[in-house]
Amino acid sequence: MTESASQPIRIPFPDGLLETGIAVAVADGQEIVVLKQDDGYRAVDRWCPHEEGDLGEGMMYGTNIKCPVHGYIFDLARGQCINQFTMSIAVYDVEVDGDDLLLTQLSETKGREW
């Protein structure tokens, strides 16, 4: 996203998020995945940096999301891959504002470094 971390990005509340707990949305021209977590939400980049597996089809494991292609698991607090430490994804804090969500980037994407 091109906005600074101090400037939240506003997106409409994604269809299906309440029913499925996961939804793909576009924020500032970038595809992201919004996830329901306990009593709140988190958002991450849509594509796994390994071989662009679709995290929108990933599985939640507590506070992690698992890529459906090769099983890389990303921590939703920091974006760090927990089974390949050289990879990470961008993570966004999410606040509900009426019918919209406000996304603030918490971590930068490192992508592949190996």
N, C-alpha and C. Protein backbone atom coordinates (compact mmCIF):
# COMPACT_ATOMS: atom_id res chain seq x y z
N MET A 1 0.84 -1.17 0.00
CA MET A 1 0.00 0.00 0.00
C MET A 1 0.88 1.23 0.00
N THR A 2 0.40 2.28 -0.58
CA THR A 2 1.22 3.46 -0.72
C THR A 2 1.06 4.43 0.44
N GLU A 3 0.03 4.29 1.22
CA GLU A 3 -0.19 5.18 2.36
C GLU A 3 0.81 4.84 3.46
N SER A 4 1.14 5.83 4.30
CA SER A 4 2.03 5.55 5.42
C SER A 4 1.26 4.79 6.49
N ALA A 5 2.01 4.18 7.41
CA ALA A 5 1.39 3.37 8.45
C ALA A 5 0.48 4.20 9.33
N SER A 6 0.68 5.52 9.39
CA SER A 6 -0.16 6.35 10.24
C SER A 6 -1.47 6.73 9.56
N GLN A 7 -1.60 6.49 8.27
CA GLN A 7 -2.81 6.82 7.53
C GLN A 7 -3.58 5.55 7.20
N PRO A 8 -4.69 5.29 7.90
CA PRO A 8 -5.46 4.08 7.60
C PRO A 8 -6.09 4.14 6.21
N ILE A 9 -6.26 2.97 5.62
CA ILE A 9 -6.94 2.81 4.34
C ILE A 9 -8.36 2.35 4.62
N ARG A 10 -9.34 3.01 4.02
CA ARG A 10 -10.76 2.68 4.22
C ARG A 10 -11.23 1.77 3.09
N ILE A 11 -11.85 0.64 3.49
CA ILE A 11 -12.45 -0.26 2.50
C ILE A 11 -13.86 -0.63 2.98
N PRO A 12 -14.75 -0.96 2.05
CA PRO A 12 -16.07 -1.44 2.46
C PRO A 12 -15.93 -2.79 3.18
N PHE A 13 -16.83 -3.05 4.11
CA PHE A 13 -16.83 -4.33 4.82
C PHE A 13 -17.02 -5.44 3.80
N PRO A 14 -16.09 -6.40 3.70
CA PRO A 14 -16.16 -7.43 2.64
C PRO A 14 -17.35 -8.37 2.78
N ASP A 15 -17.97 -8.67 1.65
CA ASP A 15 -19.07 -9.65 1.61
C ASP A 15 -18.55 -11.00 2.08
N GLY A 16 -19.35 -11.69 2.87
CA GLY A 16 -19.04 -13.04 3.31
C GLY A 16 -18.12 -13.14 4.51
N LEU A 17 -17.54 -12.05 4.96
CA LEU A 17 -16.59 -12.10 6.07
C LEU A 17 -17.22 -12.62 7.35
N LEU A 18 -18.42 -12.18 7.65
CA LEU A 18 -19.08 -12.62 8.88
C LEU A 18 -19.45 -14.10 8.83
N GLU A 19 -19.82 -14.58 7.65
CA GLU A 19 -20.24 -15.97 7.50
C GLU A 19 -19.06 -16.94 7.49
N THR A 20 -17.99 -16.58 6.79
CA THR A 20 -16.88 -17.51 6.59
C THR A 20 -15.65 -17.21 7.44
N GLY A 21 -15.54 -15.99 7.93
CA GLY A 21 -14.38 -15.60 8.73
C GLY A 21 -13.17 -15.20 7.91
N ILE A 22 -13.30 -15.24 6.58
CA ILE A 22 -12.20 -14.86 5.70
C ILE A 22 -12.79 -14.29 4.41
N ALA A 23 -12.19 -13.21 3.90
CA ALA A 23 -12.68 -12.59 2.67
C ALA A 23 -11.55 -11.85 1.98
N VAL A 24 -11.60 -11.80 0.67
CA VAL A 24 -10.62 -11.06 -0.13
C VAL A 24 -11.21 -9.69 -0.44
N ALA A 25 -10.38 -8.67 -0.34
CA ALA A 25 -10.80 -7.31 -0.64
C ALA A 25 -9.65 -6.59 -1.35
N VAL A 26 -9.96 -5.42 -1.90
CA VAL A 26 -8.93 -4.60 -2.52
C VAL A 26 -8.79 -3.34 -1.69
N ALA A 27 -7.54 -3.06 -1.28
CA ALA A 27 -7.25 -1.88 -0.47
C ALA A 27 -6.11 -1.12 -1.15
N ASP A 28 -6.38 0.10 -1.55
CA ASP A 28 -5.38 0.94 -2.19
C ASP A 28 -4.76 0.23 -3.41
N GLY A 29 -5.59 -0.48 -4.16
CA GLY A 29 -5.16 -1.17 -5.37
C GLY A 29 -4.47 -2.51 -5.15
N GLN A 30 -4.38 -2.95 -3.90
CA GLN A 30 -3.70 -4.21 -3.58
C GLN A 30 -4.70 -5.20 -3.00
N GLU A 31 -4.61 -6.46 -3.45
CA GLU A 31 -5.48 -7.50 -2.92
C GLU A 31 -5.00 -7.93 -1.53
N ILE A 32 -5.92 -7.93 -0.59
CA ILE A 32 -5.60 -8.34 0.78
C ILE A 32 -6.65 -9.35 1.24
N VAL A 33 -6.33 -10.04 2.32
CA VAL A 33 -7.24 -11.00 2.92
C VAL A 33 -7.61 -10.45 4.29
N VAL A 34 -8.91 -10.34 4.56
CA VAL A 34 -9.39 -9.91 5.87
C VAL A 34 -9.86 -11.15 6.61
N LEU A 35 -9.44 -11.27 7.87
CA LEU A 35 -9.70 -12.46 8.68
C LEU A 35 -10.39 -12.07 9.98
N LYS A 36 -11.37 -12.86 10.36
CA LYS A 36 -12.02 -12.67 11.66
C LYS A 36 -11.18 -13.39 12.69
N GLN A 37 -10.81 -12.66 13.76
CA GLN A 37 -9.99 -13.22 14.83
C GLN A 37 -10.64 -12.90 16.15
N ASP A 38 -11.11 -13.92 16.86
CA ASP A 38 -11.76 -13.72 18.16
C ASP A 38 -12.81 -12.63 18.06
N ASP A 39 -12.59 -11.49 18.71
CA ASP A 39 -13.58 -10.41 18.69
C ASP A 39 -13.17 -9.27 17.76
N GLY A 40 -12.20 -9.50 16.89
CA GLY A 40 -11.74 -8.45 15.99
C GLY A 40 -11.38 -9.00 14.63
N TYR A 41 -10.59 -8.22 13.89
CA TYR A 41 -10.19 -8.58 12.54
C TYR A 41 -8.71 -8.29 12.35
N ARG A 42 -8.12 -8.95 11.35
CA ARG A 42 -6.74 -8.72 10.94
C ARG A 42 -6.75 -8.84 9.42
N ALA A 43 -5.82 -8.19 8.76
CA ALA A 43 -5.70 -8.30 7.30
C ALA A 43 -4.25 -8.57 6.95
N VAL A 44 -4.05 -9.31 5.84
CA VAL A 44 -2.72 -9.65 5.36
C VAL A 44 -2.70 -9.56 3.85
N ASP A 45 -1.49 -9.53 3.28
CA ASP A 45 -1.35 -9.63 1.84
C ASP A 45 -2.04 -10.90 1.36
N ARG A 46 -2.59 -10.86 0.16
CA ARG A 46 -3.29 -12.03 -0.35
C ARG A 46 -2.35 -13.15 -0.79
N TRP A 47 -1.20 -12.81 -1.36
CA TRP A 47 -0.36 -13.81 -2.01
C TRP A 47 0.83 -14.18 -1.15
N CYS A 48 1.02 -15.47 -0.97
CA CYS A 48 2.18 -16.01 -0.24
C CYS A 48 3.44 -15.65 -1.03
N PRO A 49 4.49 -15.18 -0.36
CA PRO A 49 5.71 -14.80 -1.07
C PRO A 49 6.50 -15.99 -1.63
N HIS A 50 6.16 -17.21 -1.23
CA HIS A 50 6.92 -18.37 -1.71
C HIS A 50 6.64 -18.61 -3.19
N GLU A 51 5.42 -18.99 -3.53
CA GLU A 51 5.05 -19.21 -4.93
C GLU A 51 3.64 -18.68 -5.20
N GLU A 52 3.31 -17.60 -4.53
CA GLU A 52 2.05 -16.88 -4.71
C GLU A 52 0.82 -17.75 -4.48
N GLY A 53 0.87 -18.58 -3.45
CA GLY A 53 -0.32 -19.30 -3.02
C GLY A 53 -1.35 -18.30 -2.52
N ASP A 54 -2.61 -18.56 -2.74
CA ASP A 54 -3.69 -17.64 -2.39
C ASP A 54 -4.05 -17.80 -0.91
N LEU A 55 -3.61 -16.84 -0.08
CA LEU A 55 -3.94 -16.89 1.35
C LEU A 55 -5.43 -16.66 1.59
N GLY A 56 -6.15 -16.19 0.58
CA GLY A 56 -7.60 -16.07 0.66
C GLY A 56 -8.26 -17.44 0.72
N GLU A 57 -7.52 -18.48 0.37
CA GLU A 57 -7.99 -19.85 0.48
C GLU A 57 -7.24 -20.59 1.59
N GLY A 58 -6.50 -19.82 2.40
CA GLY A 58 -5.72 -20.40 3.48
C GLY A 58 -6.59 -20.84 4.65
N MET A 59 -5.93 -21.50 5.60
CA MET A 59 -6.63 -21.98 6.79
C MET A 59 -6.08 -21.26 8.01
N MET A 60 -7.00 -20.87 8.89
CA MET A 60 -6.60 -20.23 10.14
C MET A 60 -6.24 -21.30 11.16
N TYR A 61 -5.15 -21.06 11.87
CA TYR A 61 -4.72 -21.89 12.99
C TYR A 61 -4.43 -20.96 14.14
N GLY A 62 -5.44 -20.71 14.98
CA GLY A 62 -5.25 -19.79 16.10
C GLY A 62 -4.92 -18.40 15.60
N THR A 63 -3.71 -17.95 15.87
CA THR A 63 -3.28 -16.62 15.43
C THR A 63 -2.37 -16.69 14.21
N ASN A 64 -2.53 -17.74 13.42
CA ASN A 64 -1.72 -17.95 12.21
C ASN A 64 -2.61 -18.27 11.03
N ILE A 65 -2.05 -18.04 9.83
CA ILE A 65 -2.72 -18.48 8.61
C ILE A 65 -1.75 -19.36 7.83
N LYS A 66 -2.29 -20.45 7.28
CA LYS A 66 -1.49 -21.42 6.54
C LYS A 66 -1.78 -21.32 5.05
N CYS A 67 -0.72 -21.19 4.26
CA CYS A 67 -0.86 -21.14 2.80
C CYS A 67 -1.33 -22.50 2.30
N PRO A 68 -2.33 -22.52 1.41
CA PRO A 68 -2.86 -23.80 0.92
C PRO A 68 -1.95 -24.51 -0.08
N VAL A 69 -0.91 -23.86 -0.58
CA VAL A 69 -0.07 -24.49 -1.60
C VAL A 69 1.02 -25.36 -0.99
N HIS A 70 1.88 -24.79 -0.16
CA HIS A 70 3.00 -25.54 0.40
C HIS A 70 3.02 -25.56 1.92
N GLY A 71 2.00 -25.02 2.55
CA GLY A 71 1.88 -25.12 4.00
C GLY A 71 2.69 -24.13 4.81
N TYR A 72 3.17 -23.06 4.20
CA TYR A 72 3.87 -22.05 4.98
C TYR A 72 2.87 -21.38 5.93
N ILE A 73 3.29 -21.17 7.17
CA ILE A 73 2.41 -20.64 8.21
C ILE A 73 2.92 -19.28 8.62
N PHE A 74 2.03 -18.28 8.59
CA PHE A 74 2.39 -16.90 8.90
C PHE A 74 1.69 -16.45 10.18
N ASP A 75 2.47 -15.82 11.06
CA ASP A 75 1.98 -15.25 12.30
C ASP A 75 1.20 -13.98 11.96
N LEU A 76 -0.05 -13.91 12.39
CA LEU A 76 -0.90 -12.76 12.07
C LEU A 76 -0.58 -11.52 12.88
N ALA A 77 0.26 -11.63 13.89
CA ALA A 77 0.65 -10.45 14.67
C ALA A 77 1.80 -9.71 14.01
N ARG A 78 2.75 -10.45 13.41
CA ARG A 78 3.95 -9.84 12.85
C ARG A 78 4.14 -10.07 11.36
N GLY A 79 3.44 -11.06 10.81
CA GLY A 79 3.61 -11.39 9.40
C GLY A 79 4.75 -12.36 9.14
N GLN A 80 5.48 -12.72 10.16
CA GLN A 80 6.63 -13.62 10.02
C GLN A 80 6.18 -15.04 9.71
N CYS A 81 6.84 -15.68 8.75
CA CYS A 81 6.59 -17.09 8.47
C CYS A 81 7.26 -17.90 9.57
N ILE A 82 6.51 -18.78 10.22
CA ILE A 82 7.06 -19.49 11.36
C ILE A 82 7.77 -20.79 10.97
N ASN A 83 7.64 -21.22 9.72
CA ASN A 83 8.37 -22.41 9.30
C ASN A 83 9.33 -22.11 8.15
N GLN A 84 9.59 -20.84 7.88
CA GLN A 84 10.61 -20.40 6.93
C GLN A 84 10.92 -18.94 7.30
N PHE A 85 11.88 -18.77 8.21
CA PHE A 85 12.10 -17.47 8.84
C PHE A 85 12.54 -16.36 7.90
N THR A 86 12.90 -16.68 6.67
CA THR A 86 13.33 -15.64 5.75
C THR A 86 12.17 -15.01 4.99
N MET A 87 10.93 -15.45 5.25
CA MET A 87 9.77 -14.90 4.55
C MET A 87 8.83 -14.22 5.53
N SER A 88 8.13 -13.24 5.03
CA SER A 88 7.07 -12.60 5.81
C SER A 88 6.07 -11.95 4.85
N ILE A 89 4.93 -11.60 5.40
CA ILE A 89 3.89 -10.90 4.64
C ILE A 89 3.51 -9.64 5.41
N ALA A 90 2.93 -8.69 4.71
CA ALA A 90 2.45 -7.48 5.37
C ALA A 90 1.20 -7.82 6.19
N VAL A 91 1.11 -7.22 7.37
CA VAL A 91 -0.02 -7.42 8.27
C VAL A 91 -0.64 -6.05 8.55
N TYR A 92 -1.97 -6.04 8.65
CA TYR A 92 -2.70 -4.79 8.86
C TYR A 92 -3.62 -4.91 10.07
N ASP A 93 -3.57 -3.92 10.93
CA ASP A 93 -4.54 -3.81 12.00
C ASP A 93 -5.85 -3.37 11.37
N VAL A 94 -6.97 -3.85 11.87
CA VAL A 94 -8.27 -3.55 11.27
C VAL A 94 -9.21 -3.01 12.34
N GLU A 95 -9.83 -1.88 12.05
CA GLU A 95 -10.85 -1.30 12.92
C GLU A 95 -12.14 -1.19 12.13
N VAL A 96 -13.26 -1.47 12.79
CA VAL A 96 -14.58 -1.31 12.16
C VAL A 96 -15.02 0.13 12.35
N ASP A 97 -15.46 0.75 11.25
CA ASP A 97 -15.97 2.12 11.27
C ASP A 97 -17.26 2.15 10.47
N GLY A 98 -18.38 1.90 11.14
CA GLY A 98 -19.67 1.83 10.47
C GLY A 98 -19.72 0.64 9.53
N ASP A 99 -19.96 0.89 8.24
CA ASP A 99 -20.00 -0.17 7.23
C ASP A 99 -18.64 -0.39 6.57
N ASP A 100 -17.62 0.27 7.09
CA ASP A 100 -16.28 0.19 6.50
C ASP A 100 -15.29 -0.42 7.49
N LEU A 101 -14.14 -0.78 6.94
CA LEU A 101 -13.00 -1.19 7.76
C LEU A 101 -11.87 -0.22 7.50
N LEU A 102 -11.12 0.09 8.56
CA LEU A 102 -9.93 0.92 8.44
C LEU A 102 -8.71 0.03 8.65
N LEU A 103 -7.81 -0.01 7.67
CA LEU A 103 -6.63 -0.86 7.73
C LEU A 103 -5.39 0.00 7.94
N THR A 104 -4.58 -0.39 8.91
CA THR A 104 -3.31 0.28 9.17
C THR A 104 -2.21 -0.76 9.11
N GLN A 105 -1.24 -0.55 8.25
CA GLN A 105 -0.18 -1.53 8.09
C GLN A 105 0.71 -1.57 9.33
N LEU A 106 0.93 -2.81 9.84
CA LEU A 106 1.76 -3.01 11.01
C LEU A 106 3.15 -3.50 10.66
N SER A 107 3.27 -4.26 9.57
CA SER A 107 4.57 -4.82 9.18
C SER A 107 4.74 -4.73 7.68
N GLU A 108 5.99 -4.67 7.26
CA GLU A 108 6.33 -4.62 5.84
C GLU A 108 6.51 -6.02 5.29
N THR A 109 6.27 -6.19 4.02
CA THR A 109 6.51 -7.47 3.35
C THR A 109 7.99 -7.60 3.07
N LYS A 110 8.56 -8.74 3.43
CA LYS A 110 9.95 -9.04 3.06
C LYS A 110 9.97 -9.94 1.83
N GLY A 111 8.95 -10.77 1.67
CA GLY A 111 8.91 -11.69 0.54
C GLY A 111 9.97 -12.77 0.66
N ARG A 112 10.43 -13.24 -0.48
CA ARG A 112 11.44 -14.30 -0.51
C ARG A 112 12.83 -13.71 -0.35
N GLU A 113 13.63 -14.33 0.48
CA GLU A 113 15.01 -13.90 0.63
C GLU A 113 15.96 -15.08 0.53
N TRP A 114 15.50 -16.20 0.03
CA TRP A 114 16.38 -17.38 0.00
C TRP A 114 16.59 -17.88 -1.38
